[in-house]
Amino acid sequence: AENALSIANEVSELHNAVEATQTLGLIARDEGDLGAAAAHLRRALAMAQARLGPLNTGSCRLDLASVLFDAQGTSDAQQALVAANADFIRCGARKYIERAQALATKHNVTLSR
């Protein structure tokens, strides 16, 4: 039981760190610093991939895709968006799937359903 509590605390701290780093990325985006925004979001994604589920990784990927589209509209943005959508489908997150689809439509990207 003590080990389970330790793991739960570790995951909770990681979740908080991911959210804080993701928020820094969104603030940087809102301030017009797309390079810093992408760096923060990539860091948040790397942390989320370590131990968090597809909703967290998908959320980071969706925000990263949005920033990358704003910065340059590259294939990196498309890849992040497709991966985010796959994450959301895996966990059945309909509202997030709708957000991904809206971003895909805006940038002429085809997503699986």
Protein backbone atom coordinates (compact mmCIF):
# COMPACT_ATOMS: atom_id res chain seq x y z
CA ALA A 1 0.00 0.00 0.00
CA GLU A 2 2.85 2.36 0.80
CA ASN A 3 4.43 1.70 -2.60
CA ALA A 4 1.10 2.37 -4.35
CA LEU A 5 0.80 5.69 -2.50
CA SER A 6 4.33 6.61 -3.51
CA ILE A 7 3.58 5.87 -7.16
CA ALA A 8 0.32 7.85 -6.99
CA ASN A 9 2.15 10.83 -5.53
CA GLU A 10 4.83 10.61 -8.20
CA VAL A 11 2.24 10.51 -11.00
CA SER A 12 0.34 13.41 -9.43
CA GLU A 13 3.51 15.50 -9.25
CA LEU A 14 4.33 14.62 -12.86
CA HIS A 15 0.81 15.57 -13.96
CA ASN A 16 1.18 18.94 -12.21
CA ALA A 17 4.57 19.51 -13.85
CA VAL A 18 3.16 18.66 -17.28
CA GLU A 19 0.23 21.04 -16.81
CA ALA A 20 2.51 23.85 -15.58
CA THR A 21 4.91 23.41 -18.50
CA GLN A 22 2.04 23.19 -20.98
CA THR A 23 0.59 26.40 -19.51
CA LEU A 24 3.96 28.13 -19.94
CA GLY A 25 3.84 27.11 -23.60
CA LEU A 26 0.36 28.55 -24.04
CA ILE A 27 1.38 31.79 -22.34
CA ALA A 28 4.42 32.07 -24.60
CA ARG A 29 2.15 31.48 -27.62
CA ASP A 30 -0.24 34.18 -26.44
CA GLU A 31 2.72 36.54 -26.06
CA GLY A 32 3.80 35.78 -29.63
CA ASP A 33 6.94 33.78 -28.80
CA LEU A 34 6.20 30.68 -30.86
CA GLY A 35 9.70 29.28 -30.48
CA ALA A 36 9.49 29.32 -26.68
CA ALA A 37 5.93 28.01 -26.87
CA ALA A 38 6.98 25.02 -28.96
CA ALA A 39 9.92 24.31 -26.65
CA HIS A 40 7.72 24.31 -23.54
CA LEU A 41 5.10 22.13 -25.23
CA ARG A 42 7.71 19.63 -26.43
CA ARG A 43 9.03 19.45 -22.88
CA ALA A 44 5.50 18.93 -21.52
CA LEU A 45 4.91 16.18 -24.10
CA ALA A 46 8.16 14.41 -23.19
CA MET A 47 7.17 14.45 -19.52
CA ALA A 48 3.63 13.24 -20.29
CA GLN A 49 4.93 10.36 -22.40
CA ALA A 50 6.99 9.14 -19.45
CA ARG A 51 4.05 7.98 -17.30
CA LEU A 52 0.80 9.67 -18.19
CA GLY A 53 -2.00 8.44 -20.43
CA PRO A 54 -3.17 9.29 -23.94
CA LEU A 55 -5.40 12.18 -22.85
CA ASN A 56 -2.43 14.04 -21.39
CA THR A 57 -0.10 13.27 -24.29
CA GLY A 58 -2.82 14.11 -26.79
CA SER A 59 -3.51 17.43 -25.14
CA CYS A 60 0.18 18.35 -25.30
CA ARG A 61 0.36 17.24 -28.93
CA LEU A 62 -2.74 19.22 -29.88
CA ASP A 63 -1.36 22.41 -28.34
CA LEU A 64 2.02 21.76 -29.99
CA ALA A 65 0.34 21.22 -33.37
CA SER A 66 -1.51 24.50 -33.02
CA VAL A 67 1.70 26.38 -32.24
CA LEU A 68 3.61 24.69 -35.07
CA PHE A 69 0.87 25.52 -37.57
CA ASP A 70 1.01 29.15 -36.40
CA ALA A 71 4.79 29.17 -36.67
CA GLN A 72 5.31 27.49 -40.03
CA GLY A 73 2.56 25.07 -41.01
CA THR A 74 4.99 22.18 -41.34
CA SER A 75 4.67 18.45 -41.52
CA ASP A 76 5.73 18.42 -37.84
CA ALA A 77 2.45 20.16 -37.02
CA GLN A 78 0.51 17.64 -39.08
CA GLN A 79 2.28 14.72 -37.40
CA ALA A 80 1.56 16.13 -33.94
CA LEU A 81 -2.10 16.64 -34.86
CA VAL A 82 -2.52 13.12 -36.27
CA ALA A 83 -0.86 11.64 -33.16
CA ALA A 84 -3.05 13.77 -30.86
CA ASN A 85 -6.16 12.58 -32.65
CA ALA A 86 -5.04 8.95 -32.30
CA ASP A 87 -4.48 9.51 -28.57
CA PHE A 88 -7.97 10.96 -28.18
CA ILE A 89 -9.56 8.12 -30.14
CA ARG A 90 -7.75 5.59 -27.92
CA CYS A 91 -9.32 7.04 -24.79
CA GLY A 92 -12.66 8.02 -26.32
CA ALA A 93 -12.28 11.75 -25.62
CA ARG A 94 -14.97 13.09 -27.95
CA LYS A 95 -14.57 16.79 -27.12
CA TYR A 96 -10.84 16.56 -27.74
CA ILE A 97 -11.46 14.66 -30.99
CA GLU A 98 -13.72 17.54 -32.04
CA ARG A 99 -10.99 20.07 -31.18
CA ALA A 100 -8.46 18.09 -33.20
CA GLN A 101 -10.89 17.88 -36.12
CA ALA A 102 -11.50 21.63 -36.01
CA LEU A 103 -7.76 22.31 -36.17
CA ALA A 104 -7.39 19.75 -38.96
CA THR A 105 -10.17 21.39 -40.97
CA LYS A 106 -8.57 24.81 -40.50
CA HIS A 107 -5.27 23.50 -41.90
CA ASN A 108 -6.60 21.04 -44.49
CA VAL A 109 -5.37 17.93 -42.68
CA THR A 110 -7.27 14.65 -42.96
CA LEU A 111 -7.72 12.75 -39.70
CA SER A 112 -8.99 9.25 -39.14
CA ARG A 113 -12.14 8.87 -37.08
